[in-house]
Amino acid sequence: MALQHPPEASGSHESARLNAPDIGAAAQSSPYREADGTRRSEILQTAASLFASSGLRTSLQEIADAAGILPGSLYHHFESKEAILVELLQRYHADLDRIGEAAQQRLDDADSRPVSEKIVQLGSAIAKCAVRHSAALAMSFHEAPSANPELMQLVQRPPTAIHQAMLQTLRAGRWSGYIRSDIDLSTLADRICQSMLHIGLDVIRQNAPADQVATLMCQIILGGLASRSPSDAKLDRSNALAAANAVIDTWPDEHQADPDDKAAHVRAVARAEFGRRGYEVTTIRDIAAAAGLGTGTVYRLIGSKEELLASIMRSFGEKVGAGFVSVLRSDSTSIEKLDALSWIDINALDRFRDEWKIQLAWMRQSPPNTPNPGLAFATRMRQLKSLLSEGIRSGDIRVDAPSTAMLSRCVIDVLWMPQNIIDAIGKRAALIHARDTVLRGAACRKA
């Protein structure tokens, strides 16, 4: 069934995307191609491609080989790998700032287009930027890979310009009667911006055009998936939510390690280091130093780094997977199951935040060779695709998507509530916010 758009969005988002001017037009070409075509720009482009596909363990030798130059020549342009990373992040933030400033200017110029079109246009520009700068985007999920103060500052820098532009656009939507009056606009702006940035992750976008994925994701957040807007009271009483809570109640607190159990201590430290630094750039030496043990002792206790990862992630994957299975088997509607899956993810993010961050390495074009037993992304995708297909057939879900596969990728992302939102408003409020976006939609519905 096609989505029945809220009143303000009478035209399709797709036509809005095609007809509206592109905020990001100034940066449509590669962000590393300068007018003079310098070798420095070529090196940056090569490095960005390698970091995005192979991770931050990529060496200067590998960058030089891919750029077709000797390592000594590379040092004429960049004194270190950190210098390359700094410039990639600087260009990423500059691009985001330009997009935000352009959107603000259009609002100041009293652009007469419907707010729905402006939200989709801004979201598409952010998504395209995330794809262009996917290496810098990946860096923003973890702490800086070195103690370089400029690099640390850039990694931690929030995308303020696009958040403010989205917030002002949503405020205009509130004033026009398009955005619901009971939704916190700052939280919604943050949610939309982060969802648009996630399109830079290969597993979310796959091979689809960024603006097409952004349009569908905005459609979900603004219009909601549910054909009939479900109340909190009804969702709270669902068998699916009861099934989710029953599984969540069985999750032990694995972060309270026995101080006398050295292997458990090493796993706890490694979990935090992998989550903070990223799996690939964290070494056994880093873990040993943080644990206050010798490197040889750590190897004797846990074996290789790959074995350590597996021991951390295996039980996590089993717990989250059991939650999905229990919810999907419950006697509930598709919408109730989606709601309960949101609750599973919110609790997993709250309880196992390091494990969630560790898995980001597997969301790029060329994941690490180490098997990822935690996310089981392909399994979650199959489960979600089946659930969405069932909901569309029954009429519980209304959506106009290019394909069920793309819809599944968008939904699996919006079920993933950003950690900072959970921390700021709490788990229960985060669930209500998920209902107000994924299920009911943030825009006012037709009577």
Protein backbone atom coordinates (compact mmCIF):
# COMPACT_ATOMS: atom_id res chain seq x y z
CA MET A 1 0.00 0.00 0.00
CA ALA A 2 1.25 3.50 -0.81
CA LEU A 3 1.89 5.92 1.99
CA GLN A 4 -0.87 8.48 2.53
CA HIS A 5 1.23 11.58 3.06
CA PRO A 6 0.35 14.08 5.80
CA PRO A 7 -1.50 17.23 4.64
CA GLU A 8 1.52 19.45 4.13
CA ALA A 9 3.26 16.82 2.02
CA SER A 10 0.65 16.48 -0.71
CA GLY A 11 3.37 16.21 -3.37
CA SER A 12 5.59 13.14 -3.33
CA HIS A 13 8.99 13.27 -1.68
CA GLU A 14 10.45 11.88 -4.87
CA SER A 15 9.18 14.81 -6.90
CA ALA A 16 10.46 17.12 -4.17
CA ARG A 17 13.88 15.59 -4.54
CA LEU A 18 13.87 15.92 -8.31
CA ASN A 19 12.48 19.45 -8.51
CA ALA A 20 14.18 21.16 -5.56
CA PRO A 21 17.60 22.79 -5.93
CA ASP A 22 20.41 20.80 -4.33
CA ILE A 23 21.87 22.33 -1.18
CA GLY A 24 25.01 20.26 -1.62
CA ALA A 25 25.53 21.20 -5.28
CA ALA A 26 28.70 23.13 -4.45
CA ALA A 27 30.31 19.92 -3.27
CA GLN A 28 28.93 17.41 -5.79
CA SER A 29 32.33 16.55 -7.23
CA SER A 30 34.84 14.66 -5.15
CA PRO A 31 35.74 16.76 -2.09
CA TYR A 32 39.38 15.95 -2.69
CA ARG A 33 39.61 17.19 -6.29
CA GLU A 34 40.88 20.75 -6.22
CA ALA A 35 40.88 23.05 -9.21
CA ASP A 36 44.64 22.66 -9.75
CA GLY A 37 44.45 18.86 -9.66
CA THR A 38 47.41 18.68 -7.28
CA ARG A 39 49.07 15.47 -6.23
CA ARG A 40 48.12 16.38 -2.65
CA SER A 41 44.46 16.13 -3.58
CA GLU A 42 45.02 12.83 -5.34
CA ILE A 43 46.70 11.44 -2.22
CA LEU A 44 43.78 12.60 -0.08
CA GLN A 45 41.29 10.97 -2.40
CA THR A 46 43.27 7.72 -2.42
CA ALA A 47 43.64 7.72 1.36
CA ALA A 48 39.94 8.43 1.87
CA SER A 49 39.00 5.52 -0.36
CA LEU A 50 41.34 3.14 1.47
CA PHE A 51 40.25 4.27 4.94
CA ALA A 52 36.58 3.92 3.96
CA SER A 53 37.01 0.43 2.54
CA SER A 54 39.75 -1.06 4.69
CA GLY A 55 39.74 0.89 7.95
CA LEU A 56 42.20 3.06 9.82
CA ARG A 57 44.83 0.33 10.00
CA THR A 58 45.68 1.31 6.42
CA SER A 59 49.36 2.28 6.36
CA LEU A 60 51.17 5.11 4.62
CA GLN A 61 52.93 2.48 2.51
CA GLU A 62 49.56 1.20 1.29
CA ILE A 63 48.40 4.74 0.53
CA ALA A 64 51.58 5.47 -1.39
CA ASP A 65 51.30 2.23 -3.37
CA ALA A 66 47.66 2.94 -4.27
CA ALA A 67 48.53 6.51 -5.28
CA GLY A 68 51.40 5.27 -7.45
CA ILE A 69 54.13 7.16 -5.60
CA LEU A 70 57.03 6.33 -3.32
CA PRO A 71 56.51 6.73 0.44
CA GLY A 72 59.20 9.42 0.46
CA SER A 73 57.20 11.46 -2.03
CA LEU A 74 54.11 11.14 0.13
CA TYR A 75 55.99 12.74 3.03
CA HIS A 76 56.52 15.85 0.89
CA HIS A 77 52.76 16.43 1.17
CA PHE A 78 51.83 14.95 4.56
CA GLU A 79 54.15 14.49 7.51
CA SER A 80 52.13 11.61 8.98
CA LYS A 81 48.99 9.54 8.66
CA GLU A 82 47.46 11.75 11.37
CA ALA A 83 47.96 14.78 9.11
CA ILE A 84 45.95 13.05 6.39
CA LEU A 85 43.20 12.18 8.86
CA VAL A 86 43.07 15.78 10.12
CA GLU A 87 42.60 17.14 6.60
CA LEU A 88 39.92 14.56 5.76
CA LEU A 89 37.97 15.55 8.88
CA GLN A 90 38.44 19.26 8.19
CA ARG A 91 36.95 18.87 4.73
CA TYR A 92 34.09 16.76 6.06
CA HIS A 93 33.11 19.36 8.65
CA ALA A 94 33.54 22.20 6.15
CA ASP A 95 31.19 20.40 3.76
CA LEU A 96 28.60 19.87 6.52
CA ASP A 97 28.90 23.52 7.53
CA ARG A 98 28.29 24.66 3.94
CA ILE A 99 25.20 22.48 3.72
CA GLY A 100 23.84 23.83 7.00
CA GLU A 101 24.54 27.44 6.07
CA ALA A 102 22.91 27.03 2.65
CA ALA A 103 19.77 25.55 4.25
CA GLN A 104 19.63 28.38 6.79
CA GLN A 105 19.98 30.93 4.01
CA ARG A 106 17.07 29.43 2.12
CA LEU A 107 14.92 29.71 5.23
CA ASP A 108 16.00 33.33 5.66
CA ASP A 109 15.09 33.98 2.02
CA ALA A 110 11.50 32.88 2.76
CA ASP A 111 11.59 29.87 0.42
CA SER A 112 7.92 29.19 -0.33
CA ARG A 113 8.24 25.45 -0.94
CA PRO A 114 6.45 23.08 1.48
CA VAL A 115 8.44 22.21 4.59
CA SER A 116 8.31 18.52 3.70
CA GLU A 117 10.35 19.25 0.56
CA LYS A 118 12.87 21.31 2.53
CA ILE A 119 13.39 18.50 5.06
CA VAL A 120 13.93 15.95 2.30
CA GLN A 121 16.26 18.29 0.41
CA LEU A 122 18.39 19.00 3.47
CA GLY A 123 18.39 15.32 4.44
CA SER A 124 19.51 14.31 0.95
CA ALA A 125 22.35 16.85 1.02
CA ILE A 126 23.53 15.48 4.39
CA ALA A 127 23.34 11.89 3.09
CA LYS A 128 25.37 12.72 -0.03
CA CYS A 129 27.96 14.43 2.16
CA ALA A 130 28.19 11.33 4.36
CA VAL A 131 28.80 9.16 1.29
CA ARG A 132 31.45 11.56 -0.05
CA HIS A 133 33.23 11.60 3.31
CA SER A 134 32.60 8.03 4.48
CA ALA A 135 36.14 7.71 5.89
CA ALA A 136 35.71 10.81 8.07
CA LEU A 137 32.23 9.63 9.05
CA ALA A 138 33.65 6.31 10.28
CA MET A 139 36.26 8.18 12.34
CA SER A 140 33.53 10.17 14.08
CA PHE A 141 32.11 7.01 15.69
CA HIS A 142 35.22 6.41 17.84
CA GLU A 143 37.85 8.34 19.71
CA ALA A 144 40.80 9.71 17.75
CA PRO A 145 43.30 6.97 16.77
CA SER A 146 46.15 9.06 18.25
CA ALA A 147 46.76 11.70 20.91
CA ASN A 148 47.06 14.44 18.28
CA PRO A 149 45.03 17.28 19.89
CA GLU A 150 43.72 18.68 16.58
CA LEU A 151 42.64 15.22 15.48
CA MET A 152 40.94 14.58 18.82
CA GLN A 153 39.05 17.89 18.58
CA LEU A 154 37.86 17.19 15.04
CA VAL A 155 36.69 13.65 15.86
CA GLN A 156 34.65 14.95 18.80
CA ARG A 157 33.22 17.97 16.96
CA PRO A 158 29.41 17.74 16.68
CA PRO A 159 27.76 18.62 13.33
CA THR A 160 26.18 21.75 14.78
CA ALA A 161 25.46 23.55 11.50
CA ILE A 162 23.27 20.82 10.00
CA HIS A 163 21.51 20.24 13.33
CA GLN A 164 20.62 23.93 13.60
CA ALA A 165 19.47 24.03 9.98
CA MET A 166 17.27 20.96 10.48
CA LEU A 167 15.92 22.37 13.76
CA GLN A 168 14.97 25.65 12.10
CA THR A 169 13.34 23.77 9.23
CA LEU A 170 11.31 21.69 11.70
CA ARG A 171 10.30 24.84 13.58
CA ALA A 172 8.95 26.23 10.33
CA GLY A 173 7.06 22.96 9.96
CA ARG A 174 5.63 23.34 13.46
CA TRP A 175 4.48 26.89 12.72
CA SER A 176 2.80 25.77 9.48
CA GLY A 177 0.97 22.94 11.25
CA TYR A 178 2.94 20.20 9.51
CA ILE A 179 5.00 18.84 12.43
CA ARG A 180 3.10 17.50 15.45
CA SER A 181 3.02 19.77 18.50
CA ASP A 182 3.89 17.02 21.00
CA ILE A 183 7.32 16.11 19.60
CA ASP A 184 10.55 17.66 20.90
CA LEU A 185 12.03 19.34 17.85
CA SER A 186 15.67 19.32 18.97
CA THR A 187 15.55 15.55 19.53
CA LEU A 188 13.81 15.07 16.19
CA ALA A 189 16.40 17.22 14.38
CA ASP A 190 19.22 15.20 15.95
CA ARG A 191 17.48 11.94 15.02
CA ILE A 192 16.97 12.94 11.39
CA CYS A 193 20.51 14.28 10.96
CA GLN A 194 22.07 11.14 12.42
CA SER A 195 19.87 8.92 10.25
CA MET A 196 20.96 10.86 7.18
CA LEU A 197 24.63 10.51 8.16
CA HIS A 198 24.17 6.74 8.62
CA ILE A 199 23.43 6.55 4.89
CA GLY A 200 27.19 6.93 4.48
CA LEU A 201 27.52 3.41 5.95
CA ASP A 202 27.71 0.89 3.13
CA VAL A 203 25.37 -1.66 4.69
CA ILE A 204 22.59 0.93 4.98
CA ARG A 205 22.90 2.45 1.51
CA GLN A 206 24.33 -0.57 -0.31
CA ASN A 207 24.43 0.49 -3.98
CA ALA A 208 21.38 2.76 -3.98
CA PRO A 209 21.63 6.51 -4.68
CA ALA A 210 22.05 8.42 -1.42
CA ASP A 211 19.18 10.82 -2.13
CA GLN A 212 16.81 7.92 -2.84
CA VAL A 213 17.62 6.31 0.51
CA ALA A 214 17.37 9.70 2.26
CA THR A 215 13.95 10.32 0.71
CA LEU A 216 12.64 6.95 1.94
CA MET A 217 14.12 7.41 5.41
CA CYS A 218 12.54 10.88 5.72
CA GLN A 219 9.26 9.40 4.52
CA ILE A 220 9.40 6.84 7.34
CA ILE A 221 10.31 9.36 10.05
CA LEU A 222 7.78 11.98 8.95
CA GLY A 223 4.89 9.77 7.85
CA GLY A 224 5.38 6.67 10.00
CA LEU A 225 4.93 3.07 8.93
CA ALA A 226 1.66 2.31 10.72
CA SER A 227 -1.55 2.52 8.69
CA ARG A 228 -3.44 3.35 11.88
CA SER A 229 -1.67 5.40 14.53
CA PRO A 230 -1.24 3.10 17.58
CA SER A 231 -1.57 4.49 21.10
CA ASP A 232 1.11 4.03 23.75
CA ALA A 233 -1.39 2.18 25.95
CA LYS A 234 -2.11 -0.38 23.20
CA LEU A 235 1.56 -0.90 22.40
CA ASP A 236 2.44 -1.23 26.08
CA ARG A 237 -0.05 -4.12 26.39
CA SER A 238 1.18 -6.02 23.34
CA ASN A 239 2.37 -9.62 23.53
CA ALA A 240 5.43 -8.55 21.52
CA LEU A 241 6.54 -6.05 24.18
CA ALA A 242 5.93 -8.63 26.90
CA ALA A 243 8.13 -11.08 24.97
CA ALA A 244 10.84 -8.44 24.61
CA ASN A 245 10.79 -7.65 28.33
CA ALA A 246 10.95 -11.35 29.23
CA VAL A 247 14.16 -11.72 27.23
CA ILE A 248 15.67 -8.44 28.47
CA ASP A 249 15.10 -9.58 32.05
CA THR A 250 17.36 -12.59 31.42
CA TRP A 251 20.32 -10.46 30.34
CA PRO A 252 23.01 -10.61 33.05
CA ASP A 253 25.27 -7.65 33.72
CA GLU A 254 28.48 -8.96 32.20
CA HIS A 255 30.26 -5.69 32.94
CA GLN A 256 30.48 -6.58 36.65
CA ALA A 257 33.51 -8.83 36.33
CA ASP A 258 34.88 -10.85 39.22
CA PRO A 259 38.02 -8.92 40.30
CA ASP A 260 39.81 -12.23 40.90
CA ASP A 261 39.01 -13.53 37.40
CA LYS A 262 41.85 -12.17 35.26
CA ALA A 263 40.38 -13.46 31.98
CA ALA A 264 37.05 -11.75 32.74
CA HIS A 265 38.96 -8.59 33.64
CA VAL A 266 40.81 -8.65 30.32
CA ARG A 267 37.53 -9.15 28.42
CA ALA A 268 35.95 -6.21 30.25
CA VAL A 269 38.92 -3.96 29.47
CA ALA A 270 39.07 -5.15 25.85
CA ARG A 271 35.34 -4.49 25.41
CA ALA A 272 35.83 -0.89 26.53
CA GLU A 273 38.99 -0.39 24.43
CA PHE A 274 37.43 -1.88 21.28
CA GLY A 275 34.37 0.32 21.75
CA ARG A 276 36.40 3.45 22.47
CA ARG A 277 39.14 3.10 19.87
CA GLY A 278 37.57 0.79 17.32
CA TYR A 279 38.39 -2.90 16.97
CA GLU A 280 40.98 -2.64 14.23
CA VAL A 281 43.23 0.04 15.66
CA THR A 282 43.24 -1.48 19.15
CA THR A 283 46.19 -3.79 19.79
CA ILE A 284 46.81 -6.44 22.42
CA ARG A 285 49.48 -4.09 23.77
CA ASP A 286 46.80 -1.39 24.24
CA ILE A 287 44.56 -3.84 26.08
CA ALA A 288 47.40 -5.09 28.26
CA ALA A 289 48.36 -1.54 29.25
CA ALA A 290 44.76 -0.64 30.12
CA ALA A 291 44.38 -3.86 32.11
CA GLY A 292 47.64 -3.34 33.99
CA LEU A 293 49.04 -6.65 32.76
CA GLY A 294 51.90 -7.78 30.58
CA THR A 295 51.27 -8.46 26.90
CA GLY A 296 52.36 -12.07 27.30
CA THR A 297 49.94 -12.54 30.19
CA VAL A 298 47.05 -11.25 28.08
CA TYR A 299 47.93 -13.65 25.26
CA ARG A 300 48.02 -16.56 27.70
CA LEU A 301 44.66 -15.61 29.17
CA ILE A 302 42.66 -14.97 26.02
CA GLY A 303 44.68 -16.08 23.01
CA SER A 304 44.61 -13.89 19.88
CA LYS A 305 42.81 -10.62 19.37
CA GLU A 306 40.31 -12.42 17.13
CA GLU A 307 39.57 -14.97 19.86
CA LEU A 308 39.13 -12.14 22.34
CA LEU A 309 36.63 -10.42 20.06
CA ALA A 310 34.69 -13.65 19.58
CA SER A 311 34.49 -14.24 23.34
CA ILE A 312 33.14 -10.71 23.87
CA MET A 313 30.62 -10.68 21.04
CA ARG A 314 29.26 -14.23 21.03
CA SER A 315 27.02 -13.92 24.07
CA PHE A 316 25.93 -10.44 23.00
CA GLY A 317 24.78 -11.73 19.63
CA GLU A 318 22.94 -14.59 21.27
CA LYS A 319 21.11 -12.27 23.68
CA VAL A 320 20.00 -9.77 21.02
CA GLY A 321 19.18 -12.55 18.57
CA ALA A 322 17.03 -14.30 21.19
CA GLY A 323 15.15 -11.04 21.69
CA PHE A 324 14.40 -10.75 17.98
CA VAL A 325 13.25 -14.36 17.71
CA SER A 326 11.00 -14.12 20.78
CA VAL A 327 9.36 -10.91 19.51
CA LEU A 328 8.84 -12.24 15.99
CA ARG A 329 7.22 -15.42 17.32
CA SER A 330 4.76 -13.54 19.52
CA ASP A 331 1.05 -13.31 18.71
CA SER A 332 1.16 -9.65 17.69
CA THR A 333 0.70 -7.35 14.72
CA SER A 334 3.61 -6.26 12.57
CA ILE A 335 3.49 -2.78 14.10
CA GLU A 336 3.56 -4.18 17.64
CA LYS A 337 6.56 -6.34 16.70
CA LEU A 338 8.42 -3.35 15.23
CA ASP A 339 7.75 -1.48 18.47
CA ALA A 340 9.12 -4.35 20.56
CA LEU A 341 12.20 -4.64 18.33
CA SER A 342 12.85 -0.94 18.99
CA TRP A 343 12.71 -1.72 22.72
CA ILE A 344 15.16 -4.61 22.30
CA ASP A 345 17.60 -2.31 20.47
CA ILE A 346 17.21 0.53 22.99
CA ASN A 347 17.98 -1.79 25.89
CA ALA A 348 20.88 -3.42 24.04
CA LEU A 349 22.37 -0.01 23.27
CA ASP A 350 21.93 1.03 26.89
CA ARG A 351 23.34 -2.19 28.36
CA PHE A 352 25.93 -3.16 25.74
CA ARG A 353 27.02 0.14 24.18
CA ASP A 354 30.62 -0.98 23.63
CA GLU A 355 29.49 -4.06 21.73
CA TRP A 356 27.30 -1.93 19.49
CA LYS A 357 30.21 0.40 18.70
CA ILE A 358 32.56 -2.50 18.02
CA GLN A 359 30.26 -3.67 15.22
CA LEU A 360 30.61 -0.46 13.24
CA ALA A 361 33.76 -1.85 11.64
CA TRP A 362 31.57 -4.40 9.84
CA MET A 363 29.35 -1.72 8.30
CA ARG A 364 31.82 -0.50 5.70
CA GLN A 365 32.55 -1.66 2.18
CA SER A 366 35.27 -4.18 3.15
CA PRO A 367 34.63 -5.43 6.70
CA PRO A 368 37.43 -7.00 8.77
CA ASN A 369 38.27 -10.59 7.94
CA THR A 370 37.41 -11.60 11.49
CA PRO A 371 33.88 -13.05 11.60
CA ASN A 372 31.41 -10.83 13.42
CA PRO A 373 29.29 -13.13 15.58
CA GLY A 374 27.41 -10.31 17.27
CA LEU A 375 25.39 -8.42 14.72
CA ALA A 376 24.45 -11.28 12.36
CA PHE A 377 23.34 -8.47 10.07
CA ALA A 378 22.20 -10.72 7.26
CA THR A 379 19.99 -12.67 9.67
CA ARG A 380 18.44 -9.51 11.12
CA MET A 381 17.81 -8.24 7.58
CA ARG A 382 16.01 -11.43 6.56
CA GLN A 383 13.86 -11.32 9.68
CA LEU A 384 12.97 -7.68 9.18
CA LYS A 385 12.27 -8.06 5.47
CA SER A 386 9.85 -10.90 6.22
CA LEU A 387 8.14 -8.87 8.96
CA LEU A 388 7.73 -5.81 6.74
CA SER A 389 6.38 -7.89 3.84
CA GLU A 390 3.84 -9.46 6.18
CA GLY A 391 2.78 -6.04 7.49
CA ILE A 392 2.36 -4.62 3.98
CA ARG A 393 0.24 -7.62 2.92
CA SER A 394 -1.99 -7.33 6.00
CA GLY A 395 -2.42 -3.58 5.57
CA ASP A 396 -0.82 -2.77 8.94
CA ILE A 397 2.11 -1.06 7.22
CA ARG A 398 1.75 1.67 4.62
CA VAL A 399 4.79 2.71 2.65
CA ASP A 400 5.82 3.58 -0.89
CA ALA A 401 9.33 2.14 -1.20
CA PRO A 402 11.41 1.30 -4.29
CA SER A 403 11.98 -2.19 -2.87
CA THR A 404 11.47 -4.22 0.29
CA ALA A 405 15.24 -4.61 0.56
CA MET A 406 15.80 -0.85 0.67
CA LEU A 407 12.89 -0.45 3.07
CA SER A 408 14.42 -3.10 5.36
CA ARG A 409 17.77 -1.32 5.40
CA CYS A 410 16.13 1.99 6.24
CA VAL A 411 14.00 0.45 8.99
CA ILE A 412 16.90 -1.44 10.54
CA ASP A 413 18.67 1.91 10.82
CA VAL A 414 15.79 3.88 12.33
CA LEU A 415 15.23 1.06 14.84
CA TRP A 416 18.80 1.88 15.97
CA MET A 417 18.20 4.78 18.39
CA PRO A 418 21.27 7.06 18.69
CA GLN A 419 23.10 6.52 21.96
CA ASN A 420 23.20 10.21 22.87
CA ILE A 421 19.40 10.42 22.66
CA ILE A 422 18.97 7.44 25.00
CA ASP A 423 21.44 9.02 27.43
CA ALA A 424 19.71 12.41 27.26
CA ILE A 425 16.06 11.39 27.63
CA GLY A 426 16.12 7.85 29.08
CA LYS A 427 14.96 4.49 27.72
CA ARG A 428 11.20 4.98 28.13
CA ALA A 429 11.22 8.40 26.45
CA ALA A 430 13.44 6.98 23.71
CA LEU A 431 10.82 4.29 23.06
CA ILE A 432 8.08 6.93 22.82
CA HIS A 433 10.26 8.89 20.41
CA ALA A 434 10.76 5.74 18.32
CA ARG A 435 6.99 5.27 18.21
CA ASP A 436 6.52 8.92 17.20
CA THR A 437 8.88 8.52 14.27
CA VAL A 438 9.06 4.92 13.05
CA LEU A 439 5.39 4.04 13.70
CA ARG A 440 3.17 7.15 14.00
CA GLY A 441 5.33 9.63 12.12
CA ALA A 442 6.41 13.10 13.26
CA ALA A 443 4.10 14.89 10.82
CA CYS A 444 0.39 15.52 11.41
CA ARG A 445 -1.79 12.90 9.77
CA LYS A 446 -4.93 13.42 7.77
CA ALA A 447 -8.10 12.93 9.80
